[in-house]
C-alpha atoms as a PDB file:
ATOM      1  CA  MET A   1       0.000   0.000   0.000  1.00  0.00           C
ATOM      2  CA  GLU A   2       2.863   2.353   0.834  1.00  0.00           C
ATOM      3  CA  HIS A   3       4.500   1.758  -2.555  1.00  0.00           C
ATOM      4  CA  LEU A   4       1.202   2.481  -4.336  1.00  0.00           C
ATOM      5  CA  LEU A   5       0.871   5.761  -2.409  1.00  0.00           C
ATOM      6  CA  ASN A   6       4.420   6.701  -3.406  1.00  0.00           C
ATOM      7  CA  VAL A   7       3.652   5.979  -7.064  1.00  0.00           C
ATOM      8  CA  ILE A   8       0.544   8.209  -6.855  1.00  0.00           C
ATOM      9  CA  ILE A   9       2.638  10.959  -5.278  1.00  0.00           C
ATOM     10  CA  GLY A  10       5.129  10.531  -8.121  1.00  0.00           C
ATOM     11  CA  ILE A  11       2.369  10.884 -10.723  1.00  0.00           C
ATOM     12  CA  PHE A  12       1.187  14.153  -9.174  1.00  0.00           C
ATOM     13  CA  VAL A  13       4.710  15.534  -8.776  1.00  0.00           C
ATOM     14  CA  GLY A  14       5.681  14.465 -12.288  1.00  0.00           C
ATOM     15  CA  MET A  15       2.575  16.006 -13.827  1.00  0.00           C
ATOM     16  CA  ILE A  16       2.979  19.407 -12.133  1.00  0.00           C
ATOM     17  CA  GLY A  17       6.750  19.435 -12.586  1.00  0.00           C
ATOM     18  CA  THR A  18       6.546  18.738 -16.313  1.00  0.00           C
ATOM     19  CA  LEU A  19       3.675  21.174 -16.805  1.00  0.00           C
ATOM     20  CA  ILE A  20       5.900  24.074 -15.738  1.00  0.00           C
ATOM     21  CA  GLY A  21       9.249  22.537 -16.769  1.00  0.00           C
ATOM     22  CA  ALA A  22      10.516  22.310 -13.195  1.00  0.00           C
ATOM     23  CA  GLY A  23      11.043  18.591 -12.617  1.00  0.00           C
ATOM     24  CA  GLY A  24       8.893  18.466  -9.474  1.00  0.00           C
ATOM     25  CA  GLY A  25      11.640  18.387  -6.848  1.00  0.00           C
ATOM     26  CA  PHE A  26      10.332  21.600  -5.290  1.00  0.00           C
ATOM     27  CA  ILE A  27       7.110  19.698  -4.458  1.00  0.00           C
ATOM     28  CA  LEU A  28       8.655  16.408  -3.361  1.00  0.00           C
ATOM     29  CA  ILE A  29      11.363  17.913  -1.122  1.00  0.00           C
ATOM     30  CA  PRO A  30       8.915  19.500   1.396  1.00  0.00           C
ATOM     31  CA  TYR A  31       6.921  16.238   1.513  1.00  0.00           C
ATOM     32  CA  LEU A  32      10.047  14.169   2.189  1.00  0.00           C
ATOM     33  CA  ILE A  33      11.177  16.502   4.967  1.00  0.00           C
ATOM     34  CA  LEU A  34       7.832  17.361   6.604  1.00  0.00           C
ATOM     35  CA  VAL A  35       5.973  14.058   6.202  1.00  0.00           C
ATOM     36  CA  ALA A  36       8.447  11.285   5.445  1.00  0.00           C
ATOM     37  CA  LYS A  37      11.008  12.780   7.898  1.00  0.00           C
ATOM     38  CA  PHE A  38      13.975  12.457   5.554  1.00  0.00           C
ATOM     39  CA  SER A  39      17.233  14.197   6.368  1.00  0.00           C
ATOM     40  CA  PRO A  40      18.145  17.113   4.065  1.00  0.00           C
ATOM     41  CA  GLN A  41      20.778  14.943   2.375  1.00  0.00           C
ATOM     42  CA  THR A  42      18.537  11.930   1.653  1.00  0.00           C
ATOM     43  CA  ALA A  43      15.653  14.221   0.687  1.00  0.00           C
ATOM     44  CA  ALA A  44      17.821  15.991  -1.894  1.00  0.00           C
ATOM     45  CA  GLY A  45      19.306  12.766  -3.277  1.00  0.00           C
ATOM     46  CA  THR A  46      16.020  10.839  -3.457  1.00  0.00           C
ATOM     47  CA  SER A  47      14.182  13.802  -4.953  1.00  0.00           C
ATOM     48  CA  LEU A  48      16.827  14.251  -7.634  1.00  0.00           C
ATOM     49  CA  PHE A  49      16.562  10.529  -8.447  1.00  0.00           C
ATOM     50  CA  MET A  50      12.858  11.051  -9.170  1.00  0.00           C
ATOM     51  CA  VAL A  51      13.542  14.294 -11.055  1.00  0.00           C
ATOM     52  CA  PHE A  52      15.841  12.497 -13.499  1.00  0.00           C
ATOM     53  CA  PHE A  53      13.168  10.023 -14.589  1.00  0.00           C
ATOM     54  CA  ASN A  54      10.532  12.747 -14.638  1.00  0.00           C
ATOM     55  CA  ALA A  55      12.740  14.914 -16.870  1.00  0.00           C
ATOM     56  CA  LEU A  56      13.561  11.999 -19.157  1.00  0.00           C
ATOM     57  CA  SER A  57       9.899  11.074 -19.650  1.00  0.00           C
ATOM     58  CA  GLY A  58       8.754  14.679 -20.066  1.00  0.00           C
ATOM     59  CA  SER A  59      11.559  15.474 -22.494  1.00  0.00           C
ATOM     60  CA  ILE A  60      10.501  12.623 -24.780  1.00  0.00           C
ATOM     61  CA  ALA A  61       7.006  14.145 -24.916  1.00  0.00           C
ATOM     62  CA  TYR A  62       8.352  17.668 -25.520  1.00  0.00           C
ATOM     63  CA  ILE A  63      10.701  16.429 -28.260  1.00  0.00           C
ATOM     64  CA  ARG A  64       7.676  14.939 -30.027  1.00  0.00           C
ATOM     65  CA  GLN A  65       6.022  18.361 -29.761  1.00  0.00           C
ATOM     66  CA  LYS A  66       9.212  19.892 -31.310  1.00  0.00           C
ATOM     67  CA  ARG A  67       9.515  22.528 -28.578  1.00  0.00           C
ATOM     68  CA  VAL A  68      13.044  21.797 -27.367  1.00  0.00           C
ATOM     69  CA  ASP A  69      15.808  24.245 -28.339  1.00  0.00           C
ATOM     70  CA  PHE A  70      18.544  21.601 -28.554  1.00  0.00           C
ATOM     71  CA  ARG A  71      21.427  23.937 -29.390  1.00  0.00           C
ATOM     72  CA  THR A  72      20.759  26.168 -26.397  1.00  0.00           C
ATOM     73  CA  ALA A  73      20.068  23.164 -24.159  1.00  0.00           C
ATOM     74  CA  PHE A  74      23.530  21.797 -24.981  1.00  0.00           C
ATOM     75  CA  TYR A  75      25.307  25.001 -23.908  1.00  0.00           C
ATOM     76  CA  PHE A  76      23.230  25.465 -20.760  1.00  0.00           C
ATOM     77  CA  ALA A  77      23.505  21.798 -19.762  1.00  0.00           C
ATOM     78  CA  LEU A  78      27.302  21.872 -20.032  1.00  0.00           C
ATOM     79  CA  ALA A  79      27.324  24.862 -17.665  1.00  0.00           C
ATOM     80  CA  THR A  80      25.172  23.052 -15.101  1.00  0.00           C
ATOM     81  CA  ILE A  81      27.454  19.983 -14.846  1.00  0.00           C
ATOM     82  CA  PRO A  82      30.256  21.440 -12.658  1.00  0.00           C
ATOM     83  CA  GLY A  83      27.613  23.204 -10.567  1.00  0.00           C
ATOM     84  CA  ALA A  84      25.694  19.955 -10.030  1.00  0.00           C
ATOM     85  CA  ILE A  85      28.834  18.161  -8.827  1.00  0.00           C
ATOM     86  CA  PHE A  86      29.781  21.005  -6.482  1.00  0.00           C
ATOM     87  CA  GLY A  87      26.210  21.274  -5.156  1.00  0.00           C
ATOM     88  CA  ALA A  88      26.123  17.602  -4.175  1.00  0.00           C
ATOM     89  CA  TYR A  89      29.391  18.096  -2.283  1.00  0.00           C
ATOM     90  CA  LEU A  90      28.070  21.172  -0.437  1.00  0.00           C
ATOM     91  CA  ASN A  91      24.898  19.287   0.506  1.00  0.00           C
ATOM     92  CA  SER A  92      26.900  17.043   2.840  1.00  0.00           C
ATOM     93  CA  PHE A  93      27.623  20.047   5.082  1.00  0.00           C
ATOM     94  CA  LEU A  94      24.049  21.302   5.404  1.00  0.00           C
ATOM     95  CA  HIS A  95      22.299  21.065   8.764  1.00  0.00           C
ATOM     96  CA  SER A  96      18.529  20.628   8.915  1.00  0.00           C
ATOM     97  CA  ARG A  97      17.732  24.174  10.109  1.00  0.00           C
ATOM     98  CA  LEU A  98      20.044  25.804   7.571  1.00  0.00           C
ATOM     99  CA  PHE A  99      18.588  23.663   4.801  1.00  0.00           C
ATOM    100  CA  ASN A 100      15.027  24.635   5.793  1.00  0.00           C
ATOM    101  CA  VAL A 101      15.875  28.348   5.821  1.00  0.00           C
ATOM    102  CA  LEU A 102      17.685  28.230   2.458  1.00  0.00           C
ATOM    103  CA  PHE A 103      14.913  26.270   0.817  1.00  0.00           C
ATOM    104  CA  ALA A 104      12.195  28.494   2.330  1.00  0.00           C
ATOM    105  CA  LEU A 105      13.910  31.655   1.053  1.00  0.00           C
ATOM    106  CA  LEU A 106      14.179  30.098  -2.397  1.00  0.00           C
ATOM    107  CA  LEU A 107      10.476  29.183  -2.319  1.00  0.00           C
ATOM    108  CA  PHE A 108       9.508  32.720  -1.262  1.00  0.00           C
ATOM    109  CA  PHE A 109      11.531  34.194  -4.118  1.00  0.00           C
ATOM    110  CA  LEU A 110       9.945  31.799  -6.602  1.00  0.00           C
ATOM    111  CA  ALA A 111       6.464  32.445  -5.203  1.00  0.00           C
ATOM    112  CA  VAL A 112       6.761  36.207  -5.685  1.00  0.00           C
ATOM    113  CA  ARG A 113       8.470  35.840  -9.077  1.00  0.00           C
ATOM    114  CA  THR A 114       5.837  33.404 -10.307  1.00  0.00           C
ATOM    115  CA  PHE A 115       2.844  35.372  -8.995  1.00  0.00           C
ATOM    116  CA  PHE A 116       3.800  38.653 -10.641  1.00  0.00           C
ATOM    117  CA  HIS A 117       5.257  37.211 -13.837  1.00  0.00           C
ATOM    118  CA  LYS A 118       2.932  38.038 -16.733  1.00  0.00           C
ATOM    119  CA  THR A 119       2.576  35.721 -19.705  1.00  0.00           C
ATOM    120  CA  SER A 120       0.399  35.854 -22.755  1.00  0.00           C
ATOM    121  CA  ASN A 121      -2.425  33.361 -23.250  1.00  0.00           C
ATOM    122  CA  ALA A 122      -1.431  33.118 -26.884  1.00  0.00           C
ATOM    123  CA  LYS A 123       1.018  30.460 -27.914  1.00  0.00           C
ATOM    124  CA  LYS A 124       3.034  32.928 -29.984  1.00  0.00           C
ATOM    125  CA  GLU A 125       4.481  34.957 -27.117  1.00  0.00           C
ATOM    126  CA  ASN A 126       7.947  35.127 -28.594  1.00  0.00           C
ATOM    127  CA  LYS A 127       8.534  38.866 -28.989  1.00  0.00           C
ATOM    128  CA  GLU A 128       7.226  40.262 -25.730  1.00  0.00           C
ATOM    129  CA  THR A 129      10.301  39.861 -23.555  1.00  0.00           C
ATOM    130  CA  LYS A 130      13.040  39.876 -26.184  1.00  0.00           C
ATOM    131  CA  ILE A 131      16.335  41.492 -25.226  1.00  0.00           C
ATOM    132  CA  PRO A 132      19.462  42.005 -27.344  1.00  0.00           C
ATOM    133  CA  GLY A 133      21.644  38.918 -27.165  1.00  0.00           C
ATOM    134  CA  HIS A 134      24.280  36.822 -28.816  1.00  0.00           C
ATOM    135  CA  GLU A 135      21.940  34.200 -30.260  1.00  0.00           C
ATOM    136  CA  THR A 136      18.752  34.211 -32.330  1.00  0.00           C
ATOM    137  CA  ARG A 137      16.463  31.222 -32.691  1.00  0.00           C
ATOM    138  CA  GLU A 138      13.462  30.234 -34.811  1.00  0.00           C
ATOM    139  CA  ILE A 139      11.456  27.138 -33.887  1.00  0.00           C
ATOM    140  CA  ILE A 140       8.300  25.717 -35.488  1.00  0.00           C
ATOM    141  CA  ASP A 141       6.620  23.137 -33.271  1.00  0.00           C
ATOM    142  CA  ALA A 142       4.583  20.092 -34.251  1.00  0.00           C
ATOM    143  CA  GLU A 143       1.366  22.153 -34.317  1.00  0.00           C
ATOM    144  CA  GLY A 144       2.831  24.728 -36.682  1.00  0.00           C
ATOM    145  CA  ASN A 145       3.345  27.490 -34.095  1.00  0.00           C
ATOM    146  CA  LYS A 146       6.364  29.633 -34.941  1.00  0.00           C
ATOM    147  CA  TYR A 147       8.601  31.002 -32.172  1.00  0.00           C
ATOM    148  CA  GLU A 148      11.286  33.619 -32.877  1.00  0.00           C
ATOM    149  CA  TYR A 149      13.441  34.962 -30.052  1.00  0.00           C
ATOM    150  CA  SER A 150      16.916  36.234 -29.175  1.00  0.00           C
ATOM    151  CA  PHE A 151      18.844  36.016 -25.907  1.00  0.00           C
ATOM    152  CA  ASN A 152      22.190  36.671 -24.249  1.00  0.00           C
ATOM    153  CA  LEU A 153      23.968  33.315 -24.456  1.00  0.00           C
ATOM    154  CA  TRP A 154      26.741  34.095 -21.981  1.00  0.00           C
ATOM    155  CA  LEU A 155      24.340  35.407 -19.373  1.00  0.00           C
ATOM    156  CA  GLY A 156      22.320  32.225 -19.810  1.00  0.00           C
ATOM    157  CA  ILE A 157      25.440  30.098 -19.326  1.00  0.00           C
ATOM    158  CA  GLY A 158      26.298  31.982 -16.116  1.00  0.00           C
ATOM    159  CA  ILE A 159      22.771  31.492 -14.803  1.00  0.00           C
ATOM    160  CA  SER A 160      22.940  27.792 -15.687  1.00  0.00           C
ATOM    161  CA  LEU A 161      26.096  27.347 -13.603  1.00  0.00           C
ATOM    162  CA  ILE A 162      24.281  28.733 -10.552  1.00  0.00           C
ATOM    163  CA  VAL A 163      21.197  26.647 -11.342  1.00  0.00           C
ATOM    164  CA  GLY A 164      23.371  23.526 -11.415  1.00  0.00           C
ATOM    165  CA  ILE A 165      24.674  24.248  -7.903  1.00  0.00           C
ATOM    166  CA  LEU A 166      21.201  24.919  -6.473  1.00  0.00           C
ATOM    167  CA  SER A 167      19.764  21.924  -8.292  1.00  0.00           C
ATOM    168  CA  SER A 168      22.094  19.419  -6.685  1.00  0.00           C
ATOM    169  CA  LEU A 169      22.399  21.266  -3.366  1.00  0.00           C
ATOM    170  CA  LEU A 170      18.649  21.374  -2.728  1.00  0.00           C
ATOM    171  CA  GLY A 171      17.538  18.401  -4.838  1.00  0.00           C
ATOM    172  CA  ILE A 172      14.983  20.452  -6.795  1.00  0.00           C
ATOM    173  CA  GLY A 173      16.264  19.792 -10.293  1.00  0.00           C
ATOM    174  CA  GLY A 174      16.767  23.486 -11.034  1.00  0.00           C
ATOM    175  CA  GLY A 175      13.986  23.838 -13.594  1.00  0.00           C
ATOM    176  CA  ILE A 176      11.814  25.970 -11.350  1.00  0.00           C
ATOM    177  CA  ILE A 177      14.634  28.526 -11.364  1.00  0.00           C
ATOM    178  CA  HIS A 178      15.634  28.003 -14.980  1.00  0.00           C
ATOM    179  CA  VAL A 179      12.169  28.513 -16.476  1.00  0.00           C
ATOM    180  CA  PRO A 180      11.419  32.033 -15.146  1.00  0.00           C
ATOM    181  CA  LEU A 181      14.996  33.147 -15.799  1.00  0.00           C
ATOM    182  CA  MET A 182      14.840  31.833 -19.365  1.00  0.00           C
ATOM    183  CA  GLY A 183      11.625  33.789 -19.740  1.00  0.00           C
ATOM    184  CA  PHE A 184      13.517  36.889 -18.599  1.00  0.00           C
ATOM    185  CA  LEU A 185      16.233  36.194 -21.154  1.00  0.00           C
ATOM    186  CA  GLY A 186      13.641  36.236 -23.930  1.00  0.00           C
ATOM    187  CA  PHE A 187      12.485  32.642 -24.368  1.00  0.00           C
ATOM    188  CA  PRO A 188       8.772  32.020 -25.136  1.00  0.00           C
ATOM    189  CA  MET A 189       7.257  30.167 -22.158  1.00  0.00           C
ATOM    190  CA  HIS A 190       6.448  26.992 -24.100  1.00  0.00           C
ATOM    191  CA  ILE A 191      10.037  26.782 -25.379  1.00  0.00           C
ATOM    192  CA  ALA A 192      11.472  27.619 -21.945  1.00  0.00           C
ATOM    193  CA  THR A 193       9.560  24.827 -20.187  1.00  0.00           C
ATOM    194  CA  ALA A 194      10.430  22.222 -22.831  1.00  0.00           C
ATOM    195  CA  THR A 195      14.102  23.203 -23.103  1.00  0.00           C
ATOM    196  CA  SER A 196      14.499  23.457 -19.334  1.00  0.00           C
ATOM    197  CA  HIS A 197      13.066  19.970 -18.962  1.00  0.00           C
ATOM    198  CA  PHE A 198      15.565  18.600 -21.471  1.00  0.00           C
ATOM    199  CA  ILE A 199      18.434  20.304 -19.621  1.00  0.00           C
ATOM    200  CA  LEU A 200      17.160  18.665 -16.424  1.00  0.00           C
ATOM    201  CA  VAL A 201      17.896  15.231 -17.855  1.00  0.00           C
ATOM    202  CA  ILE A 202      21.610  16.007 -17.930  1.00  0.00           C
ATOM    203  CA  THR A 203      21.760  18.117 -14.761  1.00  0.00           C
ATOM    204  CA  SER A 204      19.820  15.667 -12.609  1.00  0.00           C
ATOM    205  CA  LEU A 205      21.767  12.655 -13.912  1.00  0.00           C
ATOM    206  CA  ILE A 206      25.073  14.211 -12.873  1.00  0.00           C
ATOM    207  CA  GLY A 207      23.592  15.255  -9.533  1.00  0.00           C
ATOM    208  CA  VAL A 208      22.116  11.800  -8.882  1.00  0.00           C
ATOM    209  CA  ILE A 209      25.408  10.059  -9.594  1.00  0.00           C
ATOM    210  CA  SER A 210      27.102  12.410  -7.130  1.00  0.00           C
ATOM    211  CA  HIS A 211      24.423  11.869  -4.468  1.00  0.00           C
ATOM    212  CA  ILE A 212      24.575   8.083  -4.902  1.00  0.00           C
ATOM    213  CA  SER A 213      28.311   8.206  -4.265  1.00  0.00           C
ATOM    214  CA  TYR A 214      27.579   9.988  -0.970  1.00  0.00           C
ATOM    215  CA  GLY A 215      24.823   7.494  -0.045  1.00  0.00           C
ATOM    216  CA  HIS A 216      22.023  10.078  -0.197  1.00  0.00           C
ATOM    217  CA  VAL A 217      19.475   8.107  -2.278  1.00  0.00           C
ATOM    218  CA  VAL A 218      16.745   5.951  -0.664  1.00  0.00           C
ATOM    219  CA  PHE A 219      16.155   3.619  -3.608  1.00  0.00           C
ATOM    220  CA  ALA A 220      13.006   1.837  -2.368  1.00  0.00           C
ATOM    221  CA  LYS A 221      11.009   5.068  -2.246  1.00  0.00           C
ATOM    222  CA  GLY A 222      12.897   6.752  -5.061  1.00  0.00           C
ATOM    223  CA  ILE A 223      11.987   4.009  -7.553  1.00  0.00           C
ATOM    224  CA  ALA A 224       8.287   4.264  -6.637  1.00  0.00           C
ATOM    225  CA  TYR A 225       8.336   8.050  -7.016  1.00  0.00           C
ATOM    226  CA  ALA A 226      10.176   7.677 -10.336  1.00  0.00           C
ATOM    227  CA  LEU A 227       7.638   5.194 -11.736  1.00  0.00           C
ATOM    228  CA  GLY A 228       4.828   7.610 -10.925  1.00  0.00           C
ATOM    229  CA  ALA A 229       6.764  10.578 -12.303  1.00  0.00           C
ATOM    230  CA  ILE A 230       7.271   8.849 -15.655  1.00  0.00           C
ATOM    231  CA  ILE A 231       3.483   8.566 -16.021  1.00  0.00           C
ATOM    232  CA  GLY A 232       2.799  12.034 -14.641  1.00  0.00           C
ATOM    233  CA  ALA A 233       5.324  13.641 -16.976  1.00  0.00           C
ATOM    234  CA  GLN A 234       3.441  12.429 -20.044  1.00  0.00           C
ATOM    235  CA  ILE A 235       0.192  13.835 -18.643  1.00  0.00           C
ATOM    236  CA  GLY A 236       1.805  17.177 -17.762  1.00  0.00           C
ATOM    237  CA  ALA A 237       3.344  17.607 -21.221  1.00  0.00           C
ATOM    238  CA  LYS A 238      -0.031  17.019 -22.899  1.00  0.00           C
ATOM    239  CA  ILE A 239      -1.752  19.531 -20.613  1.00  0.00           C
ATOM    240  CA  SER A 240       1.001  22.090 -21.210  1.00  0.00           C
ATOM    241  CA  ALA A 241       0.351  22.028 -24.950  1.00  0.00           C
ATOM    242  CA  LYS A 242      -3.335  22.879 -24.506  1.00  0.00           C
ATOM    243  CA  ILE A 243      -3.763  25.412 -21.691  1.00  0.00           C
ATOM    244  CA  SER A 244      -2.489  28.750 -20.459  1.00  0.00           C
ATOM    245  CA  GLY A 245      -0.251  28.587 -17.441  1.00  0.00           C
ATOM    246  CA  ASN A 246      -1.410  31.834 -15.799  1.00  0.00           C
ATOM    247  CA  ALA A 247      -4.014  30.335 -13.439  1.00  0.00           C
ATOM    248  CA  ILE A 248      -1.701  27.448 -12.561  1.00  0.00           C
ATOM    249  CA  LYS A 249       1.137  29.862 -11.820  1.00  0.00           C
ATOM    250  CA  LYS A 250      -1.003  31.873  -9.404  1.00  0.00           C
ATOM    251  CA  GLY A 251      -2.064  28.774  -7.478  1.00  0.00           C
ATOM    252  CA  LEU A 252       1.483  27.429  -7.548  1.00  0.00           C
ATOM    253  CA  SER A 253       2.902  30.660  -6.122  1.00  0.00           C
ATOM    254  CA  ILE A 254       0.492  30.477  -3.165  1.00  0.00           C
ATOM    255  CA  ALA A 255       1.402  26.840  -2.528  1.00  0.00           C
ATOM    256  CA  LEU A 256       5.117  27.661  -2.646  1.00  0.00           C
ATOM    257  CA  ALA A 257       4.671  30.451  -0.103  1.00  0.00           C
ATOM    258  CA  LEU A 258       2.691  28.179   2.266  1.00  0.00           C
ATOM    259  CA  VAL A 259       5.360  25.482   2.125  1.00  0.00           C
ATOM    260  CA  ALA A 260       8.056  28.090   2.750  1.00  0.00           C
ATOM    261  CA  ILE A 261       6.204  29.353   5.852  1.00  0.00           C
ATOM    262  CA  ARG A 262       5.852  25.781   7.119  1.00  0.00           C
ATOM    263  CA  LEU A 263       9.574  25.129   6.686  1.00  0.00           C
ATOM    264  CA  LEU A 264      10.492  28.313   8.600  1.00  0.00           C
ATOM    265  CA  THR A 265       8.246  27.336  11.537  1.00  0.00           C
ATOM    266  CA  LEU A 266       9.842  23.923  12.093  1.00  0.00           C
END
């Protein structure tokens, strides 16, 4: 019965995580700490284990939708690798209270950023946040929607390095940070979520390998969460292609703030 519950949790986490391109670690981590009573280290490692399979499943769906910017994903993913390794190392020195405070502050930042971030309901939202940059892209997805955008490649690489550290340090996968920042750089939201999810495959794999070497992964629960996440990721990708994310973002921001408050009161 416990394994079935964990699979159901994985489905929910995988669905929401893929829907917004975040991997779902930001949802699973509070559950592992507050309910399952995991240590910060095992929570981060087990969560990242689930995030890898979630990202892999979701990326397959997004690739079929032709919404992944592979060239950019390659550059950003390379930048996350050293950060992911260093983050896993730093995680070993975190104490429970410090971990809770760091994660709560991150959730508060994301809650505010998500709540006030404005996106268009139209699928062609490519020119609204464009800034001068080093790279220009043009993508036509499987439904025929055309996305044109430009962005600062080197700024994106620098951000990705930091995302890699936070991803492995906190076990969140990094997508929930990557997506809004990619939106700031000029990426259309549908491309940002899909590309971020693809980057997560590489980032989370490196982070998981590092966490396994430190003994931070609880495989019995992690496998159950991963099985659910694989299913949930397919559902989330299909929903993402059909609806606006504005209402979901508002509800998500409130949930993030509530979890952050709970972590600070422990």
